[in-house]
Structure formats: C-alpha cells, structure tokens
C-alpha cells in the first residue's frame, strides 16, 4: 500500500520546453555543451557555486553573450504551471491520505523563472502542499545519484515498498527502482499526473 508520494517538479507539474535552451544558446554562439560546461551545470544544480559564479563562468567562456542573454537562454526551458494540476495537488494535500514529498533537480535561476511565470502566490500554494520540499541546489544532491534517494528514505523513515516516485526522466526512475521504490516514468504530453490513480490504480 502506497503511503508516500515522491514527485519530480518539471514536466510532472510545470511544463518544460527541453529543446528551447539548445535553440536559444545557439543564437548566442553556444552550439554544444562540453564536459567542462556539463560539470559547471552540475555544480550549479547542486548548490556548489552561486548564480553569480555560474553566469560569470559562462560570460568569460562566451564573452560575446551578455549575462542577461545567458540567463534568458538558460531559463527558456521553463513554461507554465496549469491551475488544474495545482488544484489536483491541493486536493491530495487536503485529503491527508499520503505523505507528499517534492524532489527536484533545479537551480536558483530556474526557481526565479518558475515564480515569475506562476506568481509567488501560486508557487507558495504549490510548496505548501508538501510535507517536505527538496531542491537539489539546497541539499547538494541530485538525481539520478543513488544517495539522494537513500537520503529521502532514511531521513523520513520510508519503507520503499510504500513509496511511489513520479519523474519524467527514465534514468531517475531506474535508480529509484534499484532501492525497491515503486515508480512512474511519466511521459509528458501523453500522460498527466492528475491521472495518477487511474494509471497506477494497481498500487492503491
């Protein structure tokens, strides 16, 4: 029986355009991500460097691009948060049938854009639905590394067989599976989190 619902954020609740950053980066002269760039991105996502350091690094590497252009390109992935999904989540929270936990790989620039797009009031409504709210930048851990799931299970004393993890990235759900966590690798645009109890009814 499921007692804990562990949710990703992007493309589970808020819509993303995952191709947009590549398109926008190319417009300012960044045509591919080197290993060094991927490492900088990872450091930023796990809170090891601040936004100023992140933008300074990219501006130094690509001086023809302004920091505003860089942050706009980086944030182009963030789209809208449909109200019906927020109301679904609020209904879940009000039912008090499940422990609700958010587990998201994200960074300060993206969160700033999320709040801009959905308003601070709606963001706070979203955040207040959860019993625990974990952003990779704040806990210095990120998916799909195994230790982030172990942290959740151990800190909250969760039986993995009583936990369902919903994430749009298969690599993330595959790692969670190795720990005995039930998973739903949701397919954006084809599946919707509000249909959770129909799609995963066998678990409830």
Protein backbone atom coordinates (compact mmCIF):
# COMPACT_ATOMS: atom_id res chain seq x y z
CA UNK A 1 0.00 0.00 0.00
CA UNK A 2 1.38 3.40 -1.00
CA UNK A 3 1.84 5.83 1.88
CA UNK A 4 4.34 8.30 0.36
CA UNK A 5 4.16 10.08 -3.00
CA UNK A 6 7.51 11.41 -4.18
CA UNK A 7 7.19 13.89 -7.03
CA UNK A 8 9.54 15.49 -9.52
CA UNK A 9 8.65 19.07 -10.49
CA UNK A 10 9.49 19.75 -14.16
CA UNK A 11 7.25 18.04 -16.73
CA UNK A 12 5.29 16.50 -13.88
CA UNK A 13 3.65 19.67 -12.58
CA UNK A 14 5.20 22.55 -14.51
CA UNK A 15 5.53 22.28 -18.29
CA UNK A 16 9.01 22.37 -19.80
CA UNK A 17 10.42 23.00 -23.27
CA UNK A 18 13.58 20.93 -23.12
CA UNK A 19 14.68 21.89 -26.63
CA UNK A 20 14.42 25.64 -26.03
CA UNK A 21 17.75 26.13 -24.17
CA UNK A 22 19.72 24.48 -27.00
CA UNK A 23 17.96 26.67 -29.56
CA UNK A 24 18.44 29.86 -27.55
CA UNK A 25 22.06 29.04 -26.68
CA UNK A 26 22.89 28.60 -30.36
CA UNK A 27 21.56 32.10 -31.01
CA UNK A 28 24.24 33.49 -28.69
CA UNK A 29 27.06 31.33 -30.00
CA UNK A 30 26.90 28.25 -27.77
CA UNK A 31 26.46 25.29 -30.09
CA UNK A 32 27.23 22.37 -27.79
CA UNK A 33 27.95 21.56 -24.15
CA UNK A 34 31.49 20.42 -23.38
CA UNK A 35 32.31 18.14 -20.45
CA UNK A 36 33.56 21.21 -18.58
CA UNK A 37 30.26 23.00 -19.17
CA UNK A 38 28.30 19.97 -18.01
CA UNK A 39 30.37 19.90 -14.83
CA UNK A 40 29.70 23.61 -14.19
CA UNK A 41 25.97 22.98 -14.72
CA UNK A 42 26.10 20.10 -12.23
CA UNK A 43 27.93 22.23 -9.66
CA UNK A 44 25.30 24.93 -10.02
CA UNK A 45 22.44 22.44 -9.74
CA UNK A 46 23.88 21.01 -6.53
CA UNK A 47 24.46 24.42 -4.95
CA UNK A 48 28.25 24.23 -5.05
CA UNK A 49 28.50 27.51 -6.93
CA UNK A 50 26.26 30.59 -6.78
CA UNK A 51 24.34 32.15 -9.65
CA UNK A 52 26.92 34.93 -9.98
CA UNK A 53 29.74 32.38 -10.34
CA UNK A 54 27.71 30.35 -12.83
CA UNK A 55 26.96 33.34 -15.06
CA UNK A 56 30.49 34.73 -14.67
CA UNK A 57 31.94 31.42 -15.90
CA UNK A 58 29.72 31.34 -18.99
CA UNK A 59 30.29 35.03 -19.74
CA UNK A 60 34.05 34.53 -19.55
CA UNK A 61 33.83 31.46 -21.81
CA UNK A 62 31.48 33.21 -24.25
CA UNK A 63 32.21 36.96 -23.90
CA UNK A 64 30.03 37.92 -26.86
CA UNK A 65 26.98 36.91 -24.80
CA UNK A 66 25.66 39.12 -22.02
CA UNK A 67 24.73 37.65 -18.66
CA UNK A 68 21.11 38.61 -19.37
CA UNK A 69 21.18 36.67 -22.65
CA UNK A 70 22.74 33.70 -20.89
CA UNK A 71 20.17 33.63 -18.08
CA UNK A 72 17.29 34.10 -20.53
CA UNK A 73 18.55 31.21 -22.67
CA UNK A 74 19.06 29.04 -19.58
CA UNK A 75 15.54 29.80 -18.34
CA UNK A 76 13.80 29.28 -21.68
CA UNK A 77 13.06 25.71 -20.60
CA UNK A 78 10.51 26.92 -18.02
CA UNK A 79 6.92 27.23 -19.26
CA UNK A 80 3.54 27.28 -17.49
CA UNK A 81 2.03 25.56 -14.47
CA UNK A 82 -1.61 24.63 -15.27
CA UNK A 83 -4.04 25.53 -12.50
CA UNK A 84 -5.82 22.16 -12.73
CA UNK A 85 -2.61 20.39 -11.67
CA UNK A 86 -2.18 22.71 -8.73
CA UNK A 87 -5.75 22.05 -7.65
CA UNK A 88 -5.17 18.29 -8.01
CA UNK A 89 -2.16 18.57 -5.71
CA UNK A 90 -4.06 20.70 -3.21
CA UNK A 91 -6.79 18.07 -3.17
CA UNK A 92 -4.19 15.40 -2.40
CA UNK A 93 -2.73 17.50 0.39
CA UNK A 94 -6.13 18.23 1.90
CA UNK A 95 -7.05 14.53 1.89
CA UNK A 96 -4.09 13.80 4.19
CA UNK A 97 -4.03 10.24 2.88
CA UNK A 98 -0.42 10.37 1.74
CA UNK A 99 2.87 11.92 2.73
CA UNK A 100 3.81 14.25 -0.14
CA UNK A 101 7.46 15.00 -0.94
CA UNK A 102 8.96 17.04 -3.78
CA UNK A 103 12.38 16.02 -5.14
CA UNK A 104 13.63 18.26 -7.95
CA UNK A 105 16.91 18.86 -9.73
CA UNK A 106 16.90 22.62 -10.08
CA UNK A 107 18.77 25.86 -9.51
CA UNK A 108 18.12 29.44 -8.41
CA UNK A 109 17.72 30.87 -11.90
CA UNK A 110 15.07 28.27 -12.75
CA UNK A 111 13.20 28.80 -9.49
CA UNK A 112 13.20 32.56 -10.08
CA UNK A 113 11.70 31.94 -13.53
CA UNK A 114 9.14 29.48 -12.12
CA UNK A 115 7.97 32.11 -9.63
CA UNK A 116 7.86 34.76 -12.36
CA UNK A 117 5.75 32.51 -14.58
CA UNK A 118 3.35 31.16 -11.97
CA UNK A 119 3.41 34.11 -9.46
CA UNK A 120 4.73 33.91 -5.91
CA UNK A 121 1.24 33.33 -4.55
CA UNK A 122 0.73 30.22 -6.68
CA UNK A 123 4.28 29.00 -6.01
CA UNK A 124 3.62 29.21 -2.27
CA UNK A 125 0.32 27.35 -2.74
CA UNK A 126 2.34 24.65 -4.51
CA UNK A 127 5.08 24.50 -1.90
CA UNK A 128 2.62 24.41 0.99
CA UNK A 129 1.10 21.17 -0.32
CA UNK A 130 4.21 19.18 0.57
CA UNK A 131 5.32 17.61 3.82
CA UNK A 132 8.88 18.02 2.57
CA UNK A 133 10.25 20.05 -0.34
CA UNK A 134 13.74 19.22 -1.65
CA UNK A 135 15.60 21.13 -4.35
CA UNK A 136 18.97 19.77 -5.47
CA UNK A 137 20.60 23.19 -5.08
CA UNK A 138 19.63 23.25 -1.39
CA UNK A 139 20.56 19.71 -0.36
CA UNK A 140 23.71 19.38 -2.54
CA UNK A 141 22.44 16.11 -4.02
CA UNK A 142 20.93 15.38 -7.40
CA UNK A 143 19.10 12.68 -9.30
CA UNK A 144 19.87 10.07 -10.55
CA UNK A 145 22.61 9.59 -7.93
CA UNK A 146 21.58 6.82 -5.58
CA UNK A 147 22.43 8.78 -2.44
CA UNK A 148 19.61 11.30 -2.97
CA UNK A 149 17.01 8.53 -2.76
CA UNK A 150 18.76 6.95 0.22
CA UNK A 151 18.64 10.34 1.93
CA UNK A 152 14.87 10.59 1.40
CA UNK A 153 14.19 7.04 2.55
CA UNK A 154 16.40 7.26 5.63
CA UNK A 155 15.54 10.79 6.75
CA UNK A 156 11.80 10.19 6.53
CA UNK A 157 11.93 6.54 7.62
CA UNK A 158 10.14 5.42 4.45
CA UNK A 159 9.57 1.81 3.50
CA UNK A 160 10.45 1.85 -0.23
CA UNK A 161 7.65 -0.62 -0.95
CA UNK A 162 5.20 2.00 0.37
CA UNK A 163 6.60 4.81 -1.80
CA UNK A 164 5.74 5.82 -5.38
CA UNK A 165 8.16 8.11 -7.24
CA UNK A 166 6.89 10.07 -10.28
CA UNK A 167 9.52 11.53 -12.64
CA UNK A 168 9.72 12.19 -16.38
CA UNK A 169 13.38 11.07 -16.69
CA UNK A 170 13.84 7.31 -17.05
CA UNK A 171 17.37 7.37 -15.64
CA UNK A 172 15.95 8.82 -12.41
CA UNK A 173 13.18 6.26 -12.02
CA UNK A 174 15.53 3.38 -12.87
CA UNK A 175 17.84 4.28 -9.99
CA UNK A 176 14.91 4.58 -7.60
CA UNK A 177 13.74 1.11 -8.66
CA UNK A 178 17.02 -0.43 -7.53
CA UNK A 179 16.12 0.62 -3.98
CA UNK A 180 12.70 -1.01 -4.16
CA UNK A 181 10.75 2.21 -4.74
CA UNK A 182 7.69 1.97 -6.99
CA UNK A 183 8.00 4.31 -9.97
CA UNK A 184 6.05 6.01 -12.71
CA UNK A 185 8.22 7.28 -15.55
CA UNK A 186 5.62 9.75 -16.76
CA UNK A 187 5.59 10.66 -20.47
CA UNK A 188 4.97 14.41 -20.87
CA UNK A 189 2.22 15.41 -23.35
CA UNK A 190 0.93 11.82 -23.38
CA UNK A 191 0.30 11.31 -19.67
CA UNK A 192 -0.73 13.67 -16.89
CA UNK A 193 -0.07 13.50 -13.17
CA UNK A 194 -3.75 14.19 -12.44
CA UNK A 195 -4.49 10.71 -13.84
CA UNK A 196 -2.24 9.13 -11.22
CA UNK A 197 -4.93 7.00 -9.59
CA UNK A 198 -6.20 5.66 -12.92
CA UNK A 199 -2.78 4.87 -14.40
CA UNK A 200 -1.29 3.44 -11.20
CA UNK A 201 -4.51 2.11 -9.63
CA UNK A 202 -2.98 -1.31 -9.02
CA UNK A 203 -0.77 0.28 -6.33
CA UNK A 204 -3.59 1.95 -4.40
